[in-house]
Amino acid sequence: MAADNERRRVSISAFPDGMLMATGKSSLSDGNSLFAISNGGPVQPIRLEEGLKRPSLDGRSTKPVVNGDTQRLQPRRGMERKLSSPMSPAFMVSAPGKVIVYGEHAVVHGKAAIAGAISLRSYLLVTALSKSRRTVTLRFPDISLDHTWNIDDLPWSTFQHPSKKKFYYDLVTSLDPDLVEAMKPHLSDISPSLPPETRKIHQASASGFLYLYLSLGSQASPACIFTLRSTIPIGAGLGSSASICVCISSALLLQIRALSGPHPDQPGEEASLQLQRINRWAFVGEMCIHGNPSGVDNTVASGGKAVVFKREDYKKPPTVTLLKNFPELPLLLVNTRQPRSTHTEVAKVGALKKAHPVVTNMMLEAIDKVTESAHTLISSPNFDGNDPATLQHLGELIVINHGLLVSLGVSHPKLERIRELVDHAGAGWAKLTGAGGGGCAITILKSGVKRETLRSLEAQLEAEGFELYQTTLGGDGVGVLWPAVLKNGSDEDGGEEIDQEKFLMAVGNEGVEKLVGVGVDETREEWKFWRY
């Protein structure tokens, strides 16, 4: 490689990618070859010594511009141009956000909680670039993040070292300090002109992407753009970062052909294996962003539906039980727009427990019984998610859970106002979700609630400054749109191709959902999902 001076660049812009090479000792490699994959066609081996020689197009091409930097390459002589293989088509992946349905705060004290997927989602468009554009770009316009890296400048030697290298099938439970240190120079120049707090968010987001990119990819990875849009409110306790990490994990694993499917007749056991791989690497991304995540958010974002989560000993991994029969329920999500601190609310309960241990422990135990009751119902052999009695049972548990959280002192006047308006309208069962003290409230809507009743409730909530999201609870997890083409009533031959321009120009959540949304039109059969 020393004689091969051509620079290869990687640019990262909100999460598009077009990686089509896989290396390493896996089922895709014989240890001496790269495997070039294009347009879903057959796998073609290329000898390493051949694949690493990439002549410039004109013998003296200019190094692509990366974040404003240019550099001339030395002329390459005595080498003939090679025919370029077709670029991979653009594709998309999508993953849901989550809400805590039962068990907030009790879960901090070793009790169980139930978390479920919501139909607000993140969407990642992966676009391959020509070979002359040796960069990888990450674009996340929702937070104004747009950064590009040179592929060859990245610390591949550190990540690919035999003592450090991880493969797609490995279980990674902690970040390698040496790998984290190797990334720092490549994160320090992100968004240099923005305020420190914004830069911190951008660097954390980019670190999750870069760690996975360097772990799962190789220096042979082709140039690409990763563009991300999300309809999940950021910082509202709805699992937005985990949803993004699941998208990145899925996209990178798809690029190295480490996943099979999804397709409708895929056996459940095989689908579960793919979801496990996605979830494991998404957790690695979450560790980059949060340090010590619980793992519940990325598990829900990967598999969808709902899970029972319990962590009795923080020195050991949590217990996560999938609720495959969790019913898909209509949900009204209301954001109070009231800032809150999870740390502050958790500390409130801790102080109350210290001052009144017997009473507080009884309330935490009662919350645990609420979660257990819902779990028992959903897991019962004769469970019927469409039975009105089932909805009534789950709704009553919602109300009980909220009352206990109020007693713990973690509600807020705005959350109580939402509950009051929902109760007065008779539209459903409402409770706070997450840490409380602000944030969001969820309402499971009653079956048969009149449309005019719901509209009147929504108008009242909006008039009082709340932000509303009509969504569903307990839906699908990660999905794939390959290629990125949807019918959308388009006159385009074969459907409407979702490209960078269309994706970036979609206005707000409504525009994104209308263009590519999974939850808006459930007849969009082009989206495929892994299902347990």
Protein backbone atom coordinates (compact mmCIF):
# COMPACT_ATOMS: atom_id res chain seq x y z
CA MET A 1 0.00 0.00 0.00
CA ALA A 2 3.00 2.33 0.47
CA ALA A 3 3.51 2.41 -3.29
CA ASP A 4 -0.12 3.12 -3.81
CA ASN A 5 -0.44 6.78 -2.87
CA GLU A 6 -3.90 7.42 -4.10
CA ARG A 7 -6.04 8.90 -1.33
CA ARG A 8 -9.46 7.44 -0.60
CA ARG A 9 -11.98 9.58 1.19
CA VAL A 10 -15.03 8.92 3.30
CA SER A 11 -17.68 11.52 3.89
CA ILE A 12 -20.39 11.31 6.53
CA SER A 13 -23.58 13.31 6.21
CA ALA A 14 -26.55 12.24 8.29
CA PHE A 15 -26.15 8.56 7.47
CA PRO A 16 -26.19 7.69 3.78
CA ASP A 17 -23.85 5.02 2.65
CA GLY A 18 -22.91 2.90 -0.29
CA MET A 19 -20.40 0.45 1.05
CA LEU A 20 -20.12 -2.55 -1.21
CA MET A 21 -16.96 -4.28 -0.02
CA ALA A 22 -16.40 -6.80 2.76
CA THR A 23 -13.11 -7.97 4.18
CA GLY A 24 -12.04 -10.17 7.05
CA LYS A 25 -12.31 -13.72 8.13
CA SER A 26 -16.00 -14.14 7.62
CA SER A 27 -18.24 -16.10 5.36
CA LEU A 28 -17.67 -13.40 2.74
CA SER A 29 -13.86 -13.60 2.66
CA ASP A 30 -11.14 -16.16 2.15
CA GLY A 31 -8.60 -14.01 3.97
CA ASN A 32 -6.78 -13.03 0.73
CA SER A 33 -9.55 -11.46 -1.29
CA LEU A 34 -11.95 -8.58 -1.27
CA PHE A 35 -15.46 -9.33 -2.37
CA ALA A 36 -17.02 -6.70 -4.61
CA ILE A 37 -20.80 -6.62 -4.50
CA SER A 38 -22.87 -4.52 -6.85
CA ASN A 39 -26.56 -4.12 -7.50
CA GLY A 40 -27.39 -7.24 -5.54
CA GLY A 41 -25.52 -9.31 -8.13
CA PRO A 42 -23.16 -12.23 -7.59
CA VAL A 43 -20.21 -11.93 -5.24
CA GLN A 44 -16.98 -11.48 -7.22
CA PRO A 45 -13.58 -12.10 -5.55
CA ILE A 46 -10.75 -9.64 -6.25
CA ARG A 47 -7.22 -10.38 -5.12
CA LEU A 48 -6.08 -7.96 -2.45
CA GLU A 49 -3.00 -6.86 -4.37
CA GLU A 50 -5.25 -6.06 -7.34
CA GLY A 51 -8.16 -4.51 -5.46
CA LEU A 52 -5.97 -2.00 -3.62
CA LYS A 53 -4.58 -0.53 -6.85
CA ARG A 54 -6.96 2.15 -8.03
CA PRO A 55 -5.50 4.49 -10.70
CA SER A 56 -6.81 8.04 -10.90
CA LEU A 57 -9.02 8.86 -13.84
CA ASP A 58 -6.60 11.34 -15.44
CA GLY A 59 -3.28 10.34 -13.92
CA ARG A 60 -3.07 13.56 -11.90
CA SER A 61 -6.53 14.05 -10.41
CA THR A 62 -7.18 16.48 -7.60
CA LYS A 63 -7.97 14.99 -4.22
CA PRO A 64 -11.70 15.47 -3.52
CA VAL A 65 -12.65 18.35 -1.30
CA VAL A 66 -13.39 17.23 2.25
CA ASN A 67 -14.69 19.88 4.64
CA GLY A 68 -12.96 22.56 2.59
CA ASP A 69 -9.57 20.80 2.18
CA THR A 70 -7.93 19.98 -1.19
CA GLN A 71 -4.64 18.32 -2.05
CA ARG A 72 -2.92 17.33 -5.31
CA LEU A 73 -2.01 13.72 -5.88
CA GLN A 74 1.20 12.65 -7.56
CA PRO A 75 0.77 11.47 -11.17
CA ARG A 76 0.21 7.75 -11.56
CA ARG A 77 2.08 6.28 -14.52
CA GLY A 78 2.23 2.97 -16.24
CA MET A 79 -1.23 1.96 -15.09
CA GLU A 80 -4.26 1.40 -17.27
CA ARG A 81 -7.75 2.46 -16.33
CA LYS A 82 -10.01 -0.28 -15.10
CA LEU A 83 -13.64 -0.56 -15.88
CA SER A 84 -15.83 0.59 -12.98
CA SER A 85 -18.34 -1.81 -11.56
CA PRO A 86 -21.92 -0.55 -11.32
CA MET A 87 -22.73 1.37 -8.18
CA SER A 88 -25.12 -0.09 -5.68
CA PRO A 89 -28.62 1.40 -5.85
CA ALA A 90 -29.64 3.78 -3.11
CA PHE A 91 -31.50 2.06 -0.29
CA MET A 92 -33.16 3.01 2.97
CA VAL A 93 -33.54 1.62 6.46
CA SER A 94 -35.95 2.78 9.15
CA ALA A 95 -36.35 2.11 12.88
CA PRO A 96 -38.96 3.20 15.45
CA GLY A 97 -38.76 5.23 18.62
CA LYS A 98 -40.06 3.92 21.94
CA VAL A 99 -42.08 4.81 25.00
CA ILE A 100 -42.12 3.34 28.49
CA VAL A 101 -45.61 1.92 28.87
CA TYR A 102 -45.38 0.67 32.46
CA GLY A 103 -42.75 0.74 35.19
CA GLU A 104 -41.00 4.13 35.13
CA HIS A 105 -38.76 4.79 38.13
CA ALA A 106 -39.47 1.36 39.61
CA VAL A 107 -37.12 0.01 36.95
CA VAL A 108 -34.30 2.12 38.42
CA HIS A 109 -34.77 0.20 41.69
CA GLY A 110 -34.54 -3.30 40.24
CA LYS A 111 -38.18 -3.73 39.18
CA ALA A 112 -39.52 -4.55 35.72
CA ALA A 113 -40.70 -2.12 33.05
CA ILE A 114 -42.43 -2.56 29.70
CA ALA A 115 -41.28 -0.48 26.72
CA GLY A 116 -42.99 -0.50 23.32
CA ALA A 117 -42.21 0.69 19.80
CA ILE A 118 -44.03 3.71 18.39
CA SER A 119 -44.60 4.54 14.73
CA LEU A 120 -42.54 7.73 14.88
CA ARG A 121 -39.34 6.66 13.14
CA SER A 122 -35.88 7.53 11.88
CA TYR A 123 -35.13 7.09 8.17
CA LEU A 124 -31.64 6.60 6.73
CA LEU A 125 -30.93 6.95 3.00
CA VAL A 126 -27.69 5.33 1.81
CA THR A 127 -26.30 6.64 -1.48
CA ALA A 128 -23.22 5.30 -3.26
CA LEU A 129 -20.81 7.74 -4.90
CA SER A 130 -18.54 7.26 -7.91
CA LYS A 131 -15.08 5.83 -7.33
CA SER A 132 -13.51 9.21 -8.03
CA ARG A 133 -15.24 10.53 -4.89
CA ARG A 134 -13.31 8.72 -2.18
CA THR A 135 -15.21 10.12 0.77
CA VAL A 136 -17.90 9.14 3.24
CA THR A 137 -20.40 11.77 4.34
CA LEU A 138 -22.82 11.91 7.26
CA ARG A 139 -25.80 14.26 6.91
CA PHE A 140 -28.29 14.87 9.67
CA PRO A 141 -30.14 18.05 8.68
CA ASP A 142 -32.51 17.85 11.66
CA ILE A 143 -29.59 18.87 13.89
CA SER A 144 -27.60 20.68 11.16
CA LEU A 145 -24.85 18.07 11.09
CA ASP A 146 -22.97 17.61 7.81
CA HIS A 147 -19.46 16.19 7.83
CA THR A 148 -17.19 14.40 5.39
CA TRP A 149 -14.16 12.20 6.01
CA ASN A 150 -11.37 10.97 3.73
CA ILE A 151 -11.57 7.19 3.79
CA ASP A 152 -7.83 6.66 3.75
CA ASP A 153 -7.29 9.18 6.55
CA LEU A 154 -9.34 7.14 9.01
CA PRO A 155 -7.59 4.93 11.62
CA TRP A 156 -8.07 1.64 9.80
CA SER A 157 -4.77 0.22 11.00
CA THR A 158 -5.91 0.51 14.61
CA PHE A 159 -9.39 -0.91 14.07
CA GLN A 160 -8.13 -3.70 11.78
CA HIS A 161 -5.24 -4.78 14.01
CA PRO A 162 -5.61 -8.49 14.89
CA SER A 163 -5.82 -7.66 18.60
CA LYS A 164 -8.63 -5.16 18.00
CA LYS A 165 -10.57 -6.37 14.98
CA LYS A 166 -14.21 -7.28 15.55
CA PHE A 167 -16.41 -9.13 13.10
CA TYR A 168 -20.11 -8.73 12.38
CA TYR A 169 -20.99 -11.82 14.44
CA ASP A 170 -19.05 -10.71 17.55
CA LEU A 171 -20.67 -9.61 20.80
CA VAL A 172 -19.20 -6.27 21.91
CA THR A 173 -20.16 -5.27 25.45
CA SER A 174 -17.75 -2.38 25.98
CA LEU A 175 -15.88 0.21 23.95
CA ASP A 176 -12.18 -0.32 23.36
CA PRO A 177 -10.34 2.71 24.84
CA ASP A 178 -7.63 2.51 22.16
CA LEU A 179 -10.23 2.62 19.39
CA VAL A 180 -12.04 5.53 21.02
CA GLU A 181 -8.74 7.39 21.29
CA ALA A 182 -7.91 6.68 17.64
CA MET A 183 -11.20 8.30 16.56
CA LYS A 184 -10.72 11.56 18.48
CA PRO A 185 -8.67 13.41 15.84
CA HIS A 186 -11.38 12.61 13.31
CA LEU A 187 -14.13 14.02 15.52
CA SER A 188 -12.39 17.16 16.78
CA ASP A 189 -12.95 19.17 13.58
CA ILE A 190 -16.70 18.55 13.39
CA SER A 191 -18.83 21.73 13.34
CA PRO A 192 -15.97 23.96 14.60
CA SER A 193 -17.91 27.22 14.25
CA LEU A 194 -20.93 26.11 16.30
CA PRO A 195 -21.49 26.63 20.06
CA PRO A 196 -19.80 24.07 22.37
CA GLU A 197 -23.07 22.42 23.39
CA THR A 198 -24.10 21.89 19.74
CA ARG A 199 -20.65 20.60 18.84
CA LYS A 200 -20.90 18.11 21.68
CA ILE A 201 -24.15 16.73 20.26
CA HIS A 202 -22.69 16.56 16.74
CA GLN A 203 -19.52 14.82 17.90
CA ALA A 204 -21.47 12.29 19.96
CA SER A 205 -23.70 11.48 16.98
CA ALA A 206 -20.71 11.18 14.65
CA SER A 207 -18.79 9.01 17.13
CA GLY A 208 -21.53 6.38 17.09
CA PHE A 209 -21.48 6.31 13.30
CA LEU A 210 -17.70 6.31 12.98
CA TYR A 211 -17.08 3.53 15.51
CA LEU A 212 -19.53 1.24 13.68
CA TYR A 213 -18.24 2.28 10.25
CA LEU A 214 -14.65 1.46 11.18
CA SER A 215 -15.61 -1.76 12.98
CA LEU A 216 -17.83 -3.21 10.26
CA GLY A 217 -16.31 -1.68 7.15
CA SER A 218 -12.81 -1.75 5.67
CA GLN A 219 -10.45 0.58 3.86
CA ALA A 220 -11.85 -0.93 0.66
CA SER A 221 -15.30 0.46 1.43
CA PRO A 222 -16.57 2.62 -1.43
CA ALA A 223 -17.49 6.26 -1.09
CA CYS A 224 -21.02 6.99 0.04
CA ILE A 225 -23.39 9.40 1.77
CA PHE A 226 -25.52 8.57 4.80
CA THR A 227 -28.48 10.94 5.09
CA LEU A 228 -30.73 10.78 8.12
CA ARG A 229 -34.15 12.26 8.80
CA SER A 230 -36.16 11.57 11.95
CA THR A 231 -39.76 12.18 12.98
CA ILE A 232 -38.92 11.37 16.62
CA PRO A 233 -38.60 14.42 18.92
CA ILE A 234 -34.99 14.63 20.05
CA GLY A 235 -34.27 14.73 23.78
CA ALA A 236 -37.83 13.81 24.76
CA GLY A 237 -37.05 10.35 26.14
CA LEU A 238 -38.44 8.60 23.06
CA GLY A 239 -35.32 6.69 22.03
CA SER A 240 -34.29 8.87 19.08
CA SER A 241 -30.57 8.06 19.38
CA ALA A 242 -31.21 4.31 19.61
CA SER A 243 -33.44 4.49 16.54
CA ILE A 244 -30.60 6.19 14.65
CA CYS A 245 -28.04 3.63 15.85
CA VAL A 246 -30.27 0.78 14.67
CA CYS A 247 -30.50 2.42 11.25
CA ILE A 248 -26.72 2.78 11.01
CA SER A 249 -26.08 -0.75 12.24
CA SER A 250 -28.56 -2.22 9.77
CA ALA A 251 -27.21 -0.23 6.83
CA LEU A 252 -23.59 -1.19 7.47
CA LEU A 253 -24.43 -4.87 8.00
CA LEU A 254 -26.47 -4.87 4.79
CA GLN A 255 -23.56 -3.37 2.88
CA ILE A 256 -21.20 -6.16 3.90
CA ARG A 257 -23.92 -8.73 3.20
CA ALA A 258 -23.98 -9.91 6.80
CA LEU A 259 -27.79 -9.98 6.91
CA SER A 260 -30.30 -12.15 5.10
CA GLY A 261 -33.76 -10.91 4.23
CA PRO A 262 -36.00 -9.46 5.25
CA HIS A 263 -38.68 -11.29 3.31
CA PRO A 264 -42.21 -12.42 4.22
CA ASP A 265 -41.52 -16.16 4.32
CA GLN A 266 -38.32 -15.87 6.37
CA PRO A 267 -38.41 -18.30 9.32
CA GLY A 268 -38.75 -16.66 12.71
CA GLU A 269 -35.48 -18.13 14.00
CA GLU A 270 -33.57 -16.74 11.03
CA ALA A 271 -35.20 -13.33 11.38
CA SER A 272 -34.32 -13.34 15.09
CA LEU A 273 -30.65 -13.91 14.26
CA GLN A 274 -30.59 -10.90 11.93
CA LEU A 275 -32.26 -8.73 14.57
CA GLN A 276 -29.78 -9.92 17.17
CA ARG A 277 -26.85 -8.82 14.99
CA ILE A 278 -28.45 -5.44 14.33
CA ASN A 279 -29.27 -4.93 17.98
CA ARG A 280 -25.79 -5.84 19.21
CA TRP A 281 -24.05 -3.30 16.99
CA ALA A 282 -26.72 -0.66 17.65
CA PHE A 283 -25.91 -1.05 21.35
CA VAL A 284 -22.25 -0.30 20.54
CA GLY A 285 -23.38 2.94 18.89
CA GLU A 286 -25.47 3.78 21.95
CA MET A 287 -22.41 3.26 24.17
CA CYS A 288 -20.54 5.82 22.08
CA ILE A 289 -23.33 8.36 22.60
CA HIS A 290 -24.50 7.66 26.18
CA GLY A 291 -21.66 5.80 27.85
CA ASN A 292 -23.70 3.27 29.84
CA PRO A 293 -27.05 2.74 28.11
CA SER A 294 -29.59 0.26 29.45
CA GLY A 295 -30.02 -1.50 26.12
CA VAL A 296 -33.81 -1.35 26.19
CA ASP A 297 -34.14 1.46 23.60
CA ASN A 298 -32.06 -0.23 20.89
CA THR A 299 -33.76 -3.59 21.60
CA VAL A 300 -37.21 -2.07 20.99
CA ALA A 301 -35.99 -0.12 17.95
CA SER A 302 -34.57 -3.32 16.43
CA GLY A 303 -37.39 -5.79 16.99
CA GLY A 304 -40.40 -3.53 17.48
CA LYS A 305 -43.44 -4.70 19.45
CA ALA A 306 -42.55 -4.46 23.17
CA VAL A 307 -40.16 -5.87 25.77
CA VAL A 308 -40.10 -6.48 29.52
CA PHE A 309 -36.90 -5.01 30.88
CA LYS A 310 -35.39 -5.68 34.29
CA ARG A 311 -31.98 -4.89 35.81
CA GLU A 312 -31.59 -6.03 39.39
CA ASP A 313 -27.80 -5.76 39.47
CA TYR A 314 -26.15 -2.90 37.57
CA LYS A 315 -22.93 -4.88 37.47
CA LYS A 316 -24.65 -7.47 35.29
CA PRO A 317 -26.53 -7.27 31.98
CA PRO A 318 -30.28 -6.63 32.18
CA THR A 319 -32.92 -9.25 31.54
CA VAL A 320 -34.93 -8.48 28.39
CA THR A 321 -38.02 -10.53 27.52
CA LEU A 322 -39.70 -10.04 24.14
CA LEU A 323 -43.47 -9.59 24.06
CA LYS A 324 -44.21 -10.88 20.58
CA ASN A 325 -47.97 -10.78 21.17
CA PHE A 326 -48.07 -7.15 22.28
CA PRO A 327 -51.08 -5.66 20.47
CA GLU A 328 -50.74 -2.74 18.07
CA LEU A 329 -52.71 0.06 19.71
CA PRO A 330 -53.68 3.61 18.63
CA LEU A 331 -51.68 6.09 20.69
CA LEU A 332 -51.85 9.84 21.21
CA LEU A 333 -48.40 11.14 22.17
CA VAL A 334 -48.31 14.63 23.67
CA ASN A 335 -45.11 16.58 24.23
CA THR A 336 -45.45 19.10 27.06
CA ARG A 337 -42.44 21.03 25.72
CA GLN A 338 -41.47 21.34 29.36
CA PRO A 339 -37.70 20.75 29.78
CA ARG A 340 -36.88 18.09 32.33
CA SER A 341 -33.86 16.34 33.77
CA THR A 342 -33.91 12.57 34.14
CA HIS A 343 -31.19 12.86 36.78
CA THR A 344 -33.29 15.31 38.83
CA GLU A 345 -36.43 13.17 38.72
CA VAL A 346 -34.56 9.98 39.61
CA ALA A 347 -32.92 11.82 42.51
CA LYS A 348 -36.36 12.89 43.79
CA VAL A 349 -37.46 9.30 44.14
CA GLY A 350 -34.14 8.36 45.72
CA ALA A 351 -34.54 11.11 48.32
CA LEU A 352 -38.14 10.07 49.02
CA LYS A 353 -37.04 6.46 49.47
CA LYS A 354 -34.37 7.55 51.93
CA ALA A 355 -36.80 9.68 53.95
CA HIS A 356 -39.75 7.25 53.80
CA PRO A 357 -38.33 3.84 52.90
CA VAL A 358 -41.31 1.67 53.81
CA VAL A 359 -43.94 3.74 52.01
CA THR A 360 -41.77 4.42 48.96
CA ASN A 361 -40.83 0.77 48.61
CA MET A 362 -44.51 -0.15 48.73
CA MET A 363 -45.25 2.27 45.88
CA LEU A 364 -42.35 0.92 43.81
CA GLU A 365 -43.58 -2.61 44.50
CA ALA A 366 -47.09 -1.60 43.43
CA ILE A 367 -45.71 -0.23 40.13
CA ASP A 368 -43.93 -3.55 39.65
CA LYS A 369 -47.25 -5.36 40.16
CA VAL A 370 -48.81 -3.18 37.46
CA THR A 371 -46.08 -4.21 35.02
CA GLU A 372 -46.42 -7.84 36.07
CA SER A 373 -50.19 -7.75 35.52
CA ALA A 374 -49.77 -6.43 31.96
CA HIS A 375 -47.04 -8.98 31.25
CA THR A 376 -49.18 -11.86 32.55
CA LEU A 377 -52.14 -10.80 30.44
CA ILE A 378 -50.16 -10.39 27.22
CA SER A 379 -48.29 -13.67 27.75
CA SER A 380 -51.37 -15.76 28.52
CA PRO A 381 -52.17 -18.58 26.03
CA ASN A 382 -55.64 -17.22 25.28
CA PHE A 383 -54.57 -13.59 24.88
CA ASP A 384 -56.63 -11.70 22.29
CA GLY A 385 -55.29 -8.26 21.45
CA ASN A 386 -58.53 -7.34 19.68
CA ASP A 387 -60.77 -8.11 22.65
CA PRO A 388 -62.26 -4.89 24.12
CA ALA A 389 -61.74 -6.35 27.58
CA THR A 390 -58.00 -6.55 26.86
CA LEU A 391 -57.85 -2.86 25.97
CA GLN A 392 -59.85 -1.97 29.07
CA HIS A 393 -57.49 -3.97 31.29
CA LEU A 394 -54.36 -2.39 29.81
CA GLY A 395 -55.93 1.06 29.99
CA GLU A 396 -56.83 0.74 33.65
CA LEU A 397 -53.26 -0.29 34.41
CA ILE A 398 -52.08 2.89 32.62
CA VAL A 399 -54.19 5.02 34.98
CA ILE A 400 -53.01 3.15 38.09
CA ASN A 401 -49.38 3.47 37.02
CA HIS A 402 -49.73 7.22 36.53
CA GLY A 403 -51.32 7.68 39.94
CA LEU A 404 -48.42 5.91 41.63
CA LEU A 405 -45.92 8.07 39.72
CA VAL A 406 -47.77 11.18 40.91
CA SER A 407 -47.41 9.90 44.46
CA LEU A 408 -43.67 9.56 43.91
CA GLY A 409 -43.59 13.26 43.01
CA VAL A 410 -42.40 12.98 39.41
CA SER A 411 -45.37 14.45 37.57
CA HIS A 412 -45.76 18.09 36.50
CA PRO A 413 -48.74 20.48 36.20
CA LYS A 414 -48.56 20.25 32.41
CA LEU A 415 -48.71 16.46 32.53
CA GLU A 416 -51.67 16.66 34.89
CA ARG A 417 -53.40 19.09 32.56
CA ILE A 418 -53.05 16.64 29.68
CA ARG A 419 -54.48 13.84 31.82
CA GLU A 420 -57.34 16.09 32.89
CA LEU A 421 -58.29 16.98 29.31
CA VAL A 422 -58.12 13.34 28.19
CA ASP A 423 -60.27 12.20 31.12
CA HIS A 424 -62.81 14.95 30.51
CA ALA A 425 -63.12 13.97 26.83
CA GLY A 426 -63.38 10.28 27.72
CA ALA A 427 -60.98 9.54 24.87
CA GLY A 428 -58.66 7.09 26.58
CA TRP A 429 -56.21 6.36 29.40
CA ALA A 430 -53.30 8.75 29.93
CA LYS A 431 -50.05 8.69 31.87
CA LEU A 432 -46.63 10.30 31.83
CA THR A 433 -43.91 8.33 30.08
CA GLY A 434 -40.24 8.34 30.94
CA ALA A 435 -38.69 10.26 33.81
CA GLY A 436 -41.57 12.75 34.20
CA GLY A 437 -41.17 16.32 35.42
CA GLY A 438 -42.20 17.37 31.91
CA GLY A 439 -41.41 15.53 28.71
CA CYS A 440 -44.21 13.49 27.18
CA ALA A 441 -47.52 11.85 28.07
CA ILE A 442 -49.09 8.91 26.28
CA THR A 443 -52.77 8.15 25.85
CA ILE A 444 -54.04 4.74 24.75
CA LEU A 445 -57.18 5.62 22.83
CA LYS A 446 -60.42 3.83 23.53
CA SER A 447 -61.92 1.73 20.77
CA GLY A 448 -64.82 3.44 19.08
CA VAL A 449 -63.91 6.94 20.24
CA LYS A 450 -65.70 9.39 17.95
CA ARG A 451 -63.60 11.32 15.49
CA GLU A 452 -65.18 14.63 16.51
CA THR A 453 -64.32 13.89 20.15
CA LEU A 454 -60.69 13.29 19.23
CA ARG A 455 -60.53 16.43 17.09
CA SER A 456 -61.95 18.53 19.90
CA LEU A 457 -59.38 17.10 22.33
CA GLU A 458 -56.53 17.74 19.90
CA ALA A 459 -57.69 21.33 19.36
CA GLN A 460 -57.73 21.96 23.11
CA LEU A 461 -54.28 20.49 23.59
CA GLU A 462 -52.82 22.49 20.72
CA ALA A 463 -54.47 25.68 21.98
CA GLU A 464 -52.66 25.23 25.28
CA GLY A 465 -49.30 24.91 23.54
CA PHE A 466 -48.81 21.14 23.56
CA GLU A 467 -47.26 19.26 20.64
CA LEU A 468 -49.28 16.29 19.35
CA TYR A 469 -48.33 13.11 17.54
CA GLN A 470 -50.92 10.59 16.42
CA THR A 471 -49.05 7.31 16.36
CA THR A 472 -49.39 3.63 17.14
CA LEU A 473 -47.88 1.49 19.89
CA GLY A 474 -46.43 -1.98 19.40
CA GLY A 475 -45.63 -1.85 15.68
CA ASP A 476 -42.76 -3.13 13.56
CA GLY A 477 -39.08 -2.68 14.29
CA VAL A 478 -36.34 -2.07 11.75
CA GLY A 479 -37.34 -2.14 8.09
CA VAL A 480 -35.55 -2.01 4.72
CA LEU A 481 -36.47 -0.36 1.43
CA TRP A 482 -34.16 -1.84 -1.23
CA PRO A 483 -33.92 -0.19 -3.69
CA ALA A 484 -35.15 3.21 -2.49
CA VAL A 485 -38.17 3.22 -4.78
CA LEU A 486 -41.82 3.66 -3.77
CA LYS A 487 -44.96 3.76 -5.85
CA ASN A 488 -46.33 6.93 -4.23
CA GLY A 489 -48.76 7.38 -7.12
CA SER A 490 -45.80 8.51 -9.24
CA ASP A 491 -45.67 8.55 -13.03
CA GLU A 492 -42.01 7.54 -12.92
CA ASP A 493 -41.33 4.22 -14.59
CA GLY A 494 -41.25 1.55 -11.87
CA GLY A 495 -42.10 4.01 -9.10
CA GLU A 496 -40.64 7.11 -7.50
CA GLU A 497 -36.92 6.90 -6.80
CA ILE A 498 -36.03 8.47 -3.44
CA ASP A 499 -32.86 10.46 -4.02
CA GLN A 500 -30.87 12.92 -1.92
CA GLU A 501 -32.66 15.99 -3.21
CA LYS A 502 -36.17 14.68 -2.59
CA PHE A 503 -35.25 13.34 0.84
CA LEU A 504 -33.57 16.55 1.99
CA MET A 505 -36.30 18.79 0.55
CA ALA A 506 -39.12 16.99 2.39
CA VAL A 507 -40.56 19.60 4.76
CA GLY A 508 -40.90 18.58 8.42
CA ASN A 509 -42.26 15.34 9.79
CA GLU A 510 -45.29 15.45 7.53
CA GLY A 511 -43.15 15.78 4.42
CA VAL A 512 -40.85 12.92 5.43
CA GLU A 513 -43.76 10.63 6.27
CA LYS A 514 -45.55 11.48 3.02
CA LEU A 515 -42.44 10.74 0.97
CA VAL A 516 -41.08 7.60 2.63
CA GLY A 517 -43.09 6.94 5.78
CA VAL A 518 -43.66 3.44 7.08
CA GLY A 519 -46.50 4.39 9.39
CA VAL A 520 -48.51 6.67 7.11
CA ASP A 521 -49.60 4.15 4.51
CA GLU A 522 -49.43 0.59 5.76
CA THR A 523 -50.04 -0.69 2.20
CA ARG A 524 -46.51 0.35 1.21
CA GLU A 525 -45.44 -3.19 0.51
CA GLU A 526 -42.00 -2.08 -0.67
CA TRP A 527 -40.89 -1.75 2.97
CA LYS A 528 -39.82 -5.13 4.37
CA PHE A 529 -39.40 -6.06 8.04
CA TRP A 530 -37.71 -8.75 10.07
CA ARG A 531 -40.35 -10.24 12.35
CA TYR A 532 -39.81 -12.70 15.19
